[in-house]
Amino acid sequence: MDCEVSNVWLAFFRWIVSQIRRKKMTRIIFAVGMALLLSRVTIAEEATDEAKELLIKASKAADAGESVKAVELTSAAIKRNPSLANAYYLRGREHFRIGKVDESVVD
């Protein structure tokens, strides 16, 4: 996959150089903007996937009675994707189970 990505970026770079030689700056600005946008979308998707995996692990830890581990995993999931409502719920519930009532109320 890394090789494919490198080839795509190399082709993109060559295209940019050809457009500069032709003085087609509007195309260049548009293409660079789109490339940056798409790279950010990919990064955001990867972070969301990682957060969901962490949330699944946290849920399993909670089911196994490992509340402290579940709190750690949900906190990591929230750092990667703060919009996961289930992560806040699970972390709050597990905080309550280990006696940290104030923290559970916050979540």
PDB file of N, CA and C in Angstrom:
ATOM      1  N   MET A   1       0.820  -1.186   0.000  1.00  0.00           N
ATOM      2  CA  MET A   1       0.000   0.000   0.000  1.00  0.00           C
ATOM      3  C   MET A   1       0.868   1.255   0.000  1.00  0.00           C
ATOM      4  N   ASP A   2       1.960   1.238   0.769  1.00  0.00           N
ATOM      5  CA  ASP A   2       2.832   2.406   0.817  1.00  0.00           C
ATOM      6  C   ASP A   2       3.399   2.725  -0.558  1.00  0.00           C
ATOM      7  N   CYS A   3       3.715   1.690  -1.306  1.00  0.00           N
ATOM      8  CA  CYS A   3       4.247   1.880  -2.650  1.00  0.00           C
ATOM      9  C   CYS A   3       3.198   2.530  -3.548  1.00  0.00           C
ATOM     10  N   GLU A   4       1.930   2.074  -3.421  1.00  0.00           N
ATOM     11  CA  GLU A   4       0.858   2.649  -4.217  1.00  0.00           C
ATOM     12  C   GLU A   4       0.654   4.117  -3.869  1.00  0.00           C
ATOM     13  N   VAL A   5       0.678   4.424  -2.587  1.00  0.00           N
ATOM     14  CA  VAL A   5       0.508   5.800  -2.148  1.00  0.00           C
ATOM     15  C   VAL A   5       1.650   6.661  -2.674  1.00  0.00           C
ATOM     16  N   SER A   6       2.868   6.157  -2.595  1.00  0.00           N
ATOM     17  CA  SER A   6       4.021   6.906  -3.092  1.00  0.00           C
ATOM     18  C   SER A   6       3.898   7.173  -4.580  1.00  0.00           C
ATOM     19  N   ASN A   7       3.435   6.175  -5.321  1.00  0.00           N
ATOM     20  CA  ASN A   7       3.258   6.356  -6.762  1.00  0.00           C
ATOM     21  C   ASN A   7       2.186   7.396  -7.066  1.00  0.00           C
ATOM     22  N   VAL A   8       1.133   7.413  -6.284  1.00  0.00           N
ATOM     23  CA  VAL A   8       0.065   8.401  -6.482  1.00  0.00           C
ATOM     24  C   VAL A   8       0.604   9.801  -6.229  1.00  0.00           C
ATOM     25  N   TRP A   9       1.345   9.980  -5.124  1.00  0.00           N
ATOM     26  CA  TRP A   9       1.894  11.293  -4.817  1.00  0.00           C
ATOM     27  C   TRP A   9       2.929  11.716  -5.848  1.00  0.00           C
ATOM     28  N   LEU A  10       3.715  10.761  -6.364  1.00  0.00           N
ATOM     29  CA  LEU A  10       4.702  11.079  -7.386  1.00  0.00           C
ATOM     30  C   LEU A  10       4.009  11.546  -8.665  1.00  0.00           C
ATOM     31  N   ALA A  11       2.960  10.848  -9.058  1.00  0.00           N
ATOM     32  CA  ALA A  11       2.203  11.253 -10.247  1.00  0.00           C
ATOM     33  C   ALA A  11       1.565  12.630 -10.035  1.00  0.00           C
ATOM     34  N   PHE A  12       1.050  12.852  -8.843  1.00  0.00           N
ATOM     35  CA  PHE A  12       0.451  14.145  -8.515  1.00  0.00           C
ATOM     36  C   PHE A  12       1.499  15.259  -8.598  1.00  0.00           C
ATOM     37  N   PHE A  13       2.684  15.014  -8.060  1.00  0.00           N
ATOM     38  CA  PHE A  13       3.759  15.988  -8.100  1.00  0.00           C
ATOM     39  C   PHE A  13       4.152  16.303  -9.546  1.00  0.00           C
ATOM     40  N   ARG A  14       4.255  15.262 -10.367  1.00  0.00           N
ATOM     41  CA  ARG A  14       4.607  15.481 -11.781  1.00  0.00           C
ATOM     42  C   ARG A  14       3.555  16.319 -12.489  1.00  0.00           C
ATOM     43  N   TRP A  15       2.281  16.056 -12.156  1.00  0.00           N
ATOM     44  CA  TRP A  15       1.201  16.817 -12.772  1.00  0.00           C
ATOM     45  C   TRP A  15       1.291  18.285 -12.353  1.00  0.00           C
ATOM     46  N   ILE A  16       1.593  18.531 -11.073  1.00  0.00           N
ATOM     47  CA  ILE A  16       1.737  19.900 -10.574  1.00  0.00           C
ATOM     48  C   ILE A  16       2.847  20.623 -11.329  1.00  0.00           C
ATOM     49  N   VAL A  17       3.973  19.947 -11.521  1.00  0.00           N
ATOM     50  CA  VAL A  17       5.095  20.559 -12.243  1.00  0.00           C
ATOM     51  C   VAL A  17       4.680  20.902 -13.671  1.00  0.00           C
ATOM     52  N   SER A  18       3.953  20.012 -14.316  1.00  0.00           N
ATOM     53  CA  SER A  18       3.516  20.298 -15.697  1.00  0.00           C
ATOM     54  C   SER A  18       2.570  21.493 -15.735  1.00  0.00           C
ATOM     55  N   GLN A  19       1.710  21.611 -14.718  1.00  0.00           N
ATOM     56  CA  GLN A  19       0.786  22.743 -14.681  1.00  0.00           C
ATOM     57  C   GLN A  19       1.516  24.059 -14.397  1.00  0.00           C
ATOM     58  N   ILE A  20       2.553  23.995 -13.595  1.00  0.00           N
ATOM     59  CA  ILE A  20       3.346  25.200 -13.328  1.00  0.00           C
ATOM     60  C   ILE A  20       4.020  25.662 -14.617  1.00  0.00           C
ATOM     61  N   ARG A  21       4.529  24.705 -15.368  1.00  0.00           N
ATOM     62  CA  ARG A  21       5.171  25.062 -16.638  1.00  0.00           C
ATOM     63  C   ARG A  21       4.175  25.703 -17.595  1.00  0.00           C
ATOM     64  N   ARG A  22       2.916  25.266 -17.526  1.00  0.00           N
ATOM     65  CA  ARG A  22       1.878  25.833 -18.396  1.00  0.00           C
ATOM     66  C   ARG A  22       1.234  27.078 -17.788  1.00  0.00           C
ATOM     67  N   LYS A  23       1.615  27.395 -16.544  1.00  0.00           N
ATOM     68  CA  LYS A  23       1.099  28.559 -15.824  1.00  0.00           C
ATOM     69  C   LYS A  23      -0.410  28.441 -15.568  1.00  0.00           C
ATOM     70  N   LYS A  24      -0.828  27.271 -15.179  1.00  0.00           N
ATOM     71  CA  LYS A  24      -2.232  27.023 -14.857  1.00  0.00           C
ATOM     72  C   LYS A  24      -2.402  26.998 -13.331  1.00  0.00           C
ATOM     73  N   MET A  25      -2.245  28.140 -12.701  1.00  0.00           N
ATOM     74  CA  MET A  25      -2.225  28.229 -11.249  1.00  0.00           C
ATOM     75  C   MET A  25      -3.573  27.886 -10.615  1.00  0.00           C
ATOM     76  N   THR A  26      -4.681  28.181 -11.271  1.00  0.00           N
ATOM     77  CA  THR A  26      -5.994  27.871 -10.700  1.00  0.00           C
ATOM     78  C   THR A  26      -6.146  26.367 -10.500  1.00  0.00           C
ATOM     79  N   ARG A  27      -5.728  25.597 -11.476  1.00  0.00           N
ATOM     80  CA  ARG A  27      -5.794  24.142 -11.363  1.00  0.00           C
ATOM     81  C   ARG A  27      -4.902  23.640 -10.218  1.00  0.00           C
ATOM     82  N   ILE A  28      -3.751  24.244 -10.100  1.00  0.00           N
ATOM     83  CA  ILE A  28      -2.807  23.819  -9.059  1.00  0.00           C
ATOM     84  C   ILE A  28      -3.400  24.072  -7.676  1.00  0.00           C
ATOM     85  N   ILE A  29      -3.922  25.273  -7.480  1.00  0.00           N
ATOM     86  CA  ILE A  29      -4.495  25.618  -6.177  1.00  0.00           C
ATOM     87  C   ILE A  29      -5.647  24.677  -5.842  1.00  0.00           C
ATOM     88  N   PHE A  30      -6.510  24.409  -6.809  1.00  0.00           N
ATOM     89  CA  PHE A  30      -7.631  23.502  -6.591  1.00  0.00           C
ATOM     90  C   PHE A  30      -7.131  22.096  -6.256  1.00  0.00           C
ATOM     91  N   ALA A  31      -6.176  21.602  -7.012  1.00  0.00           N
ATOM     92  CA  ALA A  31      -5.673  20.243  -6.805  1.00  0.00           C
ATOM     93  C   ALA A  31      -4.983  20.098  -5.452  1.00  0.00           C
ATOM     94  N   VAL A  32      -4.196  21.075  -5.079  1.00  0.00           N
ATOM     95  CA  VAL A  32      -3.513  21.014  -3.782  1.00  0.00           C
ATOM     96  C   VAL A  32      -4.536  21.062  -2.653  1.00  0.00           C
ATOM     97  N   GLY A  33      -5.524  21.905  -2.787  1.00  0.00           N
ATOM     98  CA  GLY A  33      -6.587  21.988  -1.777  1.00  0.00           C
ATOM     99  C   GLY A  33      -7.325  20.674  -1.624  1.00  0.00           C
ATOM    100  N   MET A  34      -7.661  20.056  -2.747  1.00  0.00           N
ATOM    101  CA  MET A  34      -8.363  18.766  -2.700  1.00  0.00           C
ATOM    102  C   MET A  34      -7.479  17.685  -2.073  1.00  0.00           C
ATOM    103  N   ALA A  35      -6.211  17.683  -2.418  1.00  0.00           N
ATOM    104  CA  ALA A  35      -5.298  16.684  -1.857  1.00  0.00           C
ATOM    105  C   ALA A  35      -5.203  16.831  -0.343  1.00  0.00           C
ATOM    106  N   LEU A  36      -5.097  18.058   0.127  1.00  0.00           N
ATOM    107  CA  LEU A  36      -5.035  18.292   1.571  1.00  0.00           C
ATOM    108  C   LEU A  36      -6.337  17.882   2.254  1.00  0.00           C
ATOM    109  N   LEU A  37      -7.452  18.198   1.634  1.00  0.00           N
ATOM    110  CA  LEU A  37      -8.749  17.833   2.190  1.00  0.00           C
ATOM    111  C   LEU A  37      -8.889  16.316   2.291  1.00  0.00           C
ATOM    112  N   LEU A  38      -8.536  15.619   1.227  1.00  0.00           N
ATOM    113  CA  LEU A  38      -8.656  14.162   1.221  1.00  0.00           C
ATOM    114  C   LEU A  38      -7.720  13.514   2.226  1.00  0.00           C
ATOM    115  N   SER A  39      -6.543  14.067   2.403  1.00  0.00           N
ATOM    116  CA  SER A  39      -5.619  13.481   3.376  1.00  0.00           C
ATOM    117  C   SER A  39      -6.153  13.670   4.789  1.00  0.00           C
ATOM    118  N   ARG A  40      -6.807  14.786   5.061  1.00  0.00           N
ATOM    119  CA  ARG A  40      -7.390  15.009   6.392  1.00  0.00           C
ATOM    120  C   ARG A  40      -8.563  14.077   6.629  1.00  0.00           C
ATOM    121  N   VAL A  41      -9.359  13.806   5.606  1.00  0.00           N
ATOM    122  CA  VAL A  41     -10.481  12.882   5.750  1.00  0.00           C
ATOM    123  C   VAL A  41      -9.968  11.498   6.099  1.00  0.00           C
ATOM    124  N   THR A  42      -8.911  11.059   5.450  1.00  0.00           N
ATOM    125  CA  THR A  42      -8.334   9.751   5.727  1.00  0.00           C
ATOM    126  C   THR A  42      -7.837   9.666   7.164  1.00  0.00           C
ATOM    127  N   ILE A  43      -7.166  10.701   7.618  1.00  0.00           N
ATOM    128  CA  ILE A  43      -6.663  10.724   8.997  1.00  0.00           C
ATOM    129  C   ILE A  43      -7.821  10.689   9.980  1.00  0.00           C
ATOM    130  N   ALA A  44      -8.887  11.435   9.703  1.00  0.00           N
ATOM    131  CA  ALA A  44     -10.044  11.460  10.594  1.00  0.00           C
ATOM    132  C   ALA A  44     -10.721  10.096  10.645  1.00  0.00           C
ATOM    133  N   GLU A  45     -10.827   9.420   9.502  1.00  0.00           N
ATOM    134  CA  GLU A  45     -11.434   8.095   9.473  1.00  0.00           C
ATOM    135  C   GLU A  45     -10.613   7.097  10.278  1.00  0.00           C
ATOM    136  N   GLU A  46      -9.286   7.187  10.161  1.00  0.00           N
ATOM    137  CA  GLU A  46      -8.420   6.277  10.911  1.00  0.00           C
ATOM    138  C   GLU A  46      -8.571   6.510  12.411  1.00  0.00           C
ATOM    139  N   ALA A  47      -8.658   7.767  12.822  1.00  0.00           N
ATOM    140  CA  ALA A  47      -8.823   8.078  14.244  1.00  0.00           C
ATOM    141  C   ALA A  47     -10.154   7.556  14.758  1.00  0.00           C
ATOM    142  N   THR A  48     -11.208   7.679  13.950  1.00  0.00           N
ATOM    143  CA  THR A  48     -12.518   7.188  14.344  1.00  0.00           C
ATOM    144  C   THR A  48     -12.507   5.679  14.468  1.00  0.00           C
ATOM    145  N   ASP A  49     -11.877   4.995  13.524  1.00  0.00           N
ATOM    146  CA  ASP A  49     -11.793   3.535  13.600  1.00  0.00           C
ATOM    147  C   ASP A  49     -11.035   3.082  14.841  1.00  0.00           C
ATOM    148  N   GLU A  50      -9.932   3.750  15.142  1.00  0.00           N
ATOM    149  CA  GLU A  50      -9.154   3.413  16.340  1.00  0.00           C
ATOM    150  C   GLU A  50      -9.988   3.640  17.599  1.00  0.00           C
ATOM    151  N   ALA A  51     -10.739   4.736  17.626  1.00  0.00           N
ATOM    152  CA  ALA A  51     -11.567   5.050  18.786  1.00  0.00           C
ATOM    153  C   ALA A  51     -12.648   3.986  18.983  1.00  0.00           C
ATOM    154  N   LYS A  52     -13.252   3.541  17.896  1.00  0.00           N
ATOM    155  CA  LYS A  52     -14.289   2.503  18.002  1.00  0.00           C
ATOM    156  C   LYS A  52     -13.703   1.186  18.492  1.00  0.00           C
ATOM    157  N   GLU A  53     -12.512   0.853  18.025  1.00  0.00           N
ATOM    158  CA  GLU A  53     -11.853  -0.374  18.493  1.00  0.00           C
ATOM    159  C   GLU A  53     -11.547  -0.282  19.983  1.00  0.00           C
ATOM    160  N   LEU A  54     -11.084   0.875  20.427  1.00  0.00           N
ATOM    161  CA  LEU A  54     -10.808   1.066  21.845  1.00  0.00           C
ATOM    162  C   LEU A  54     -12.087   0.966  22.673  1.00  0.00           C
ATOM    163  N   LEU A  55     -13.183   1.495  22.133  1.00  0.00           N
ATOM    164  CA  LEU A  55     -14.465   1.433  22.835  1.00  0.00           C
ATOM    165  C   LEU A  55     -14.949  -0.006  22.973  1.00  0.00           C
ATOM    166  N   ILE A  56     -14.732  -0.810  21.944  1.00  0.00           N
ATOM    167  CA  ILE A  56     -15.104  -2.233  22.008  1.00  0.00           C
ATOM    168  C   ILE A  56     -14.280  -2.938  23.083  1.00  0.00           C
ATOM    169  N   LYS A  57     -12.981  -2.653  23.109  1.00  0.00           N
ATOM    170  CA  LYS A  57     -12.117  -3.251  24.136  1.00  0.00           C
ATOM    171  C   LYS A  57     -12.543  -2.803  25.532  1.00  0.00           C
ATOM    172  N   ALA A  58     -12.905  -1.535  25.658  1.00  0.00           N
ATOM    173  CA  ALA A  58     -13.348  -1.006  26.954  1.00  0.00           C
ATOM    174  C   ALA A  58     -14.632  -1.694  27.405  1.00  0.00           C
ATOM    175  N   SER A  59     -15.536  -1.919  26.486  1.00  0.00           N
ATOM    176  CA  SER A  59     -16.791  -2.596  26.811  1.00  0.00           C
ATOM    177  C   SER A  59     -16.533  -4.022  27.294  1.00  0.00           C
ATOM    178  N   LYS A  60     -15.613  -4.705  26.624  1.00  0.00           N
ATOM    179  CA  LYS A  60     -15.259  -6.066  27.041  1.00  0.00           C
ATOM    180  C   LYS A  60     -14.606  -6.056  28.421  1.00  0.00           C
ATOM    181  N   ALA A  61     -13.756  -5.070  28.668  1.00  0.00           N
ATOM    182  CA  ALA A  61     -13.116  -4.958  29.980  1.00  0.00           C
ATOM    183  C   ALA A  61     -14.169  -4.704  31.057  1.00  0.00           C
ATOM    184  N   ALA A  62     -15.125  -3.848  30.760  1.00  0.00           N
ATOM    185  CA  ALA A  62     -16.189  -3.556  31.724  1.00  0.00           C
ATOM    186  C   ALA A  62     -17.019  -4.806  32.008  1.00  0.00           C
ATOM    187  N   ASP A  63     -17.325  -5.556  30.973  1.00  0.00           N
ATOM    188  CA  ASP A  63     -18.094  -6.800  31.152  1.00  0.00           C
ATOM    189  C   ASP A  63     -17.324  -7.810  31.995  1.00  0.00           C
ATOM    190  N   ALA A  64     -16.000  -7.763  31.913  1.00  0.00           N
ATOM    191  CA  ALA A  64     -15.161  -8.684  32.683  1.00  0.00           C
ATOM    192  C   ALA A  64     -14.903  -8.176  34.102  1.00  0.00           C
ATOM    193  N   GLY A  65     -15.464  -7.011  34.444  1.00  0.00           N
ATOM    194  CA  GLY A  65     -15.287  -6.462  35.785  1.00  0.00           C
ATOM    195  C   GLY A  65     -14.017  -5.667  35.960  1.00  0.00           C
ATOM    196  N   GLU A  66     -13.336  -5.344  34.860  1.00  0.00           N
ATOM    197  CA  GLU A  66     -12.098  -4.566  34.913  1.00  0.00           C
ATOM    198  C   GLU A  66     -12.403  -3.089  34.672  1.00  0.00           C
ATOM    199  N   SER A  67     -13.014  -2.467  35.659  1.00  0.00           N
ATOM    200  CA  SER A  67     -13.485  -1.087  35.517  1.00  0.00           C
ATOM    201  C   SER A  67     -12.360  -0.091  35.291  1.00  0.00           C
ATOM    202  N   VAL A  68     -11.243  -0.259  35.986  1.00  0.00           N
ATOM    203  CA  VAL A  68     -10.122   0.682  35.835  1.00  0.00           C
ATOM    204  C   VAL A  68      -9.588   0.633  34.403  1.00  0.00           C
ATOM    205  N   LYS A  69      -9.437  -0.565  33.872  1.00  0.00           N
ATOM    206  CA  LYS A  69      -8.965  -0.720  32.493  1.00  0.00           C
ATOM    207  C   LYS A  69      -9.982  -0.124  31.513  1.00  0.00           C
ATOM    208  N   ALA A  70     -11.271  -0.329  31.795  1.00  0.00           N
ATOM    209  CA  ALA A  70     -12.315   0.221  30.932  1.00  0.00           C
ATOM    210  C   ALA A  70     -12.261   1.746  30.914  1.00  0.00           C
ATOM    211  N   VAL A  71     -12.013   2.352  32.068  1.00  0.00           N
ATOM    212  CA  VAL A  71     -11.904   3.820  32.138  1.00  0.00           C
ATOM    213  C   VAL A  71     -10.716   4.295  31.306  1.00  0.00           C
ATOM    214  N   GLU A  72      -9.604   3.616  31.413  1.00  0.00           N
ATOM    215  CA  GLU A  72      -8.416   4.001  30.637  1.00  0.00           C
ATOM    216  C   GLU A  72      -8.681   3.895  29.138  1.00  0.00           C
ATOM    217  N   LEU A  73      -9.320   2.798  28.726  1.00  0.00           N
ATOM    218  CA  LEU A  73      -9.585   2.602  27.292  1.00  0.00           C
ATOM    219  C   LEU A  73     -10.609   3.605  26.763  1.00  0.00           C
ATOM    220  N   THR A  74     -11.648   3.900  27.559  1.00  0.00           N
ATOM    221  CA  THR A  74     -12.632   4.885  27.094  1.00  0.00           C
ATOM    222  C   THR A  74     -12.022   6.279  27.022  1.00  0.00           C
ATOM    223  N   SER A  75     -11.133   6.591  27.953  1.00  0.00           N
ATOM    224  CA  SER A  75     -10.462   7.900  27.899  1.00  0.00           C
ATOM    225  C   SER A  75      -9.615   8.018  26.633  1.00  0.00           C
ATOM    226  N   ALA A  76      -8.935   6.938  26.275  1.00  0.00           N
ATOM    227  CA  ALA A  76      -8.141   6.939  25.041  1.00  0.00           C
ATOM    228  C   ALA A  76      -9.039   7.074  23.811  1.00  0.00           C
ATOM    229  N   ALA A  77     -10.190   6.418  23.845  1.00  0.00           N
ATOM    230  CA  ALA A  77     -11.137   6.510  22.722  1.00  0.00           C
ATOM    231  C   ALA A  77     -11.665   7.935  22.585  1.00  0.00           C
ATOM    232  N   ILE A  78     -11.957   8.565  23.712  1.00  0.00           N
ATOM    233  CA  ILE A  78     -12.479   9.937  23.687  1.00  0.00           C
ATOM    234  C   ILE A  78     -11.426  10.901  23.145  1.00  0.00           C
ATOM    235  N   LYS A  79     -10.161  10.677  23.459  1.00  0.00           N
ATOM    236  CA  LYS A  79      -9.099  11.532  22.918  1.00  0.00           C
ATOM    237  C   LYS A  79      -9.050  11.442  21.401  1.00  0.00           C
ATOM    238  N   ARG A  80      -9.275  10.247  20.859  1.00  0.00           N
ATOM    239  CA  ARG A  80      -9.215  10.063  19.409  1.00  0.00           C
ATOM    240  C   ARG A  80     -10.482  10.554  18.709  1.00  0.00           C
ATOM    241  N   ASN A  81     -11.621  10.425  19.410  1.00  0.00           N
ATOM    242  CA  ASN A  81     -12.878  10.868  18.810  1.00  0.00           C
ATOM    243  C   ASN A  81     -13.808  11.362  19.914  1.00  0.00           C
ATOM    244  N   PRO A  82     -13.786  12.678  20.197  1.00  0.00           N
ATOM    245  CA  PRO A  82     -14.583  13.228  21.300  1.00  0.00           C
ATOM    246  C   PRO A  82     -16.094  13.184  21.072  1.00  0.00           C
ATOM    247  N   SER A  83     -16.546  12.794  19.899  1.00  0.00           N
ATOM    248  CA  SER A  83     -17.983  12.781  19.635  1.00  0.00           C
ATOM    249  C   SER A  83     -18.632  11.419  19.885  1.00  0.00           C
ATOM    250  N   LEU A  84     -17.900  10.475  20.455  1.00  0.00           N
ATOM    251  CA  LEU A  84     -18.466   9.159  20.763  1.00  0.00           C
ATOM    252  C   LEU A  84     -19.236   9.222  22.078  1.00  0.00           C
ATOM    253  N   ALA A  85     -20.545   9.367  21.992  1.00  0.00           N
ATOM    254  CA  ALA A  85     -21.376   9.489  23.193  1.00  0.00           C
ATOM    255  C   ALA A  85     -21.302   8.235  24.054  1.00  0.00           C
ATOM    256  N   ASN A  86     -21.242   7.069  23.427  1.00  0.00           N
ATOM    257  CA  ASN A  86     -21.177   5.819  24.190  1.00  0.00           C
ATOM    258  C   ASN A  86     -19.926   5.746  25.053  1.00  0.00           C
ATOM    259  N   ALA A  87     -18.844   6.341  24.592  1.00  0.00           N
ATOM    260  CA  ALA A  87     -17.604   6.323  25.365  1.00  0.00           C
ATOM    261  C   ALA A  87     -17.769   7.106  26.665  1.00  0.00           C
ATOM    262  N   TYR A  88     -18.450   8.244  26.594  1.00  0.00           N
ATOM    263  CA  TYR A  88     -18.688   9.037  27.801  1.00  0.00           C
ATOM    264  C   TYR A  88     -19.594   8.281  28.774  1.00  0.00           C
ATOM    265  N   TYR A  89     -20.632   7.660  28.219  1.00  0.00           N
ATOM    266  CA  TYR A  89     -21.539   6.883  29.067  1.00  0.00           C
ATOM    267  C   TYR A  89     -20.789   5.755  29.775  1.00  0.00           C
ATOM    268  N   LEU A  90     -20.035   4.984  28.993  1.00  0.00           N
ATOM    269  CA  LEU A  90     -19.320   3.841  29.565  1.00  0.00           C
ATOM    270  C   LEU A  90     -18.292   4.297  30.598  1.00  0.00           C
ATOM    271  N   ARG A  91     -17.572   5.368  30.288  1.00  0.00           N
ATOM    272  CA  ARG A  91     -16.581   5.861  31.244  1.00  0.00           C
ATOM    273  C   ARG A  91     -17.261   6.339  32.529  1.00  0.00           C
ATOM    274  N   GLY A  92     -18.381   7.031  32.394  1.00  0.00           N
ATOM    275  CA  GLY A  92     -19.118   7.488  33.578  1.00  0.00           C
ATOM    276  C   GLY A  92     -19.613   6.327  34.420  1.00  0.00           C
ATOM    277  N   ARG A  93     -20.150   5.312  33.777  1.00  0.00           N
ATOM    278  CA  ARG A  93     -20.642   4.132  34.494  1.00  0.00           C
ATOM    279  C   ARG A  93     -19.508   3.421  35.231  1.00  0.00           C
ATOM    280  N   GLU A  94     -18.368   3.295  34.568  1.00  0.00           N
ATOM    281  CA  GLU A  94     -17.239   2.599  35.188  1.00  0.00           C
ATOM    282  C   GLU A  94     -16.605   3.443  36.301  1.00  0.00           C
ATOM    283  N   HIS A  95     -16.610   4.761  36.130  1.00  0.00           N
ATOM    284  CA  HIS A  95     -16.157   5.620  37.230  1.00  0.00           C
ATOM    285  C   HIS A  95     -17.043   5.388  38.457  1.00  0.00           C
ATOM    286  N   PHE A  96     -18.335   5.307  38.237  1.00  0.00           N
ATOM    287  CA  PHE A  96     -19.268   5.071  39.337  1.00  0.00           C
ATOM    288  C   PHE A  96     -18.988   3.731  40.009  1.00  0.00           C
ATOM    289  N   ARG A  97     -18.723   2.711  39.207  1.00  0.00           N
ATOM    290  CA  ARG A  97     -18.463   1.375  39.752  1.00  0.00           C
ATOM    291  C   ARG A  97     -17.214   1.319  40.627  1.00  0.00           C
ATOM    292  N   ILE A  98     -16.225   2.166  40.323  1.00  0.00           N
ATOM    293  CA  ILE A  98     -15.010   2.141  41.145  1.00  0.00           C
ATOM    294  C   ILE A  98     -15.057   3.206  42.248  1.00  0.00           C
ATOM    295  N   GLY A  99     -16.200   3.856  42.405  1.00  0.00           N
ATOM    296  CA  GLY A  99     -16.385   4.774  43.511  1.00  0.00           C
ATOM    297  C   GLY A  99     -16.024   6.220  43.239  1.00  0.00           C
ATOM    298  N   LYS A 100     -15.778   6.570  41.980  1.00  0.00           N
ATOM    299  CA  LYS A 100     -15.455   7.956  41.633  1.00  0.00           C
ATOM    300  C   LYS A 100     -16.725   8.636  41.126  1.00  0.00           C
ATOM    301  N   VAL A 101     -17.576   8.982  42.085  1.00  0.00           N
ATOM    302  CA  VAL A 101     -18.899   9.504  41.751  1.00  0.00           C
ATOM    303  C   VAL A 101     -18.812  10.856  41.046  1.00  0.00           C
ATOM    304  N   ASP A 102     -17.937  11.750  41.520  1.00  0.00           N
ATOM    305  CA  ASP A 102     -17.821  13.067  40.898  1.00  0.00           C
ATOM    306  C   ASP A 102     -17.432  12.957  39.419  1.00  0.00           C
ATOM    307  N   GLU A 103     -16.463  12.078  39.107  1.00  0.00           N
ATOM    308  CA  GLU A 103     -16.061  11.882  37.717  1.00  0.00           C
ATOM    309  C   GLU A 103     -17.180  11.270  36.886  1.00  0.00           C
ATOM    310  N   SER A 104     -17.956  10.400  37.512  1.00  0.00           N
ATOM    311  CA  SER A 104     -19.058   9.768  36.762  1.00  0.00           C
ATOM    312  C   SER A 104     -20.135  10.776  36.403  1.00  0.00           C
ATOM    313  N   VAL A 105     -20.369  11.730  37.275  1.00  0.00           N
ATOM    314  CA  VAL A 105     -21.370  12.753  37.001  1.00  0.00           C
ATOM    315  C   VAL A 105     -20.929  13.646  35.844  1.00  0.00           C
ATOM    316  N   VAL A 106     -19.634  13.941  35.776  1.00  0.00           N
ATOM    317  CA  VAL A 106     -19.103  14.780  34.692  1.00  0.00           C
ATOM    318  C   VAL A 106     -19.366  14.141  33.332  1.00  0.00           C
ATOM    319  N   ASP A 107     -19.147  12.825  33.244  1.00  0.00           N
ATOM    320  CA  ASP A 107     -19.363  12.133  31.968  1.00  0.00           C
ATOM    321  C   ASP A 107     -20.838  11.936  31.704  1.00  0.00           C
TER     322      ASP A 107
END
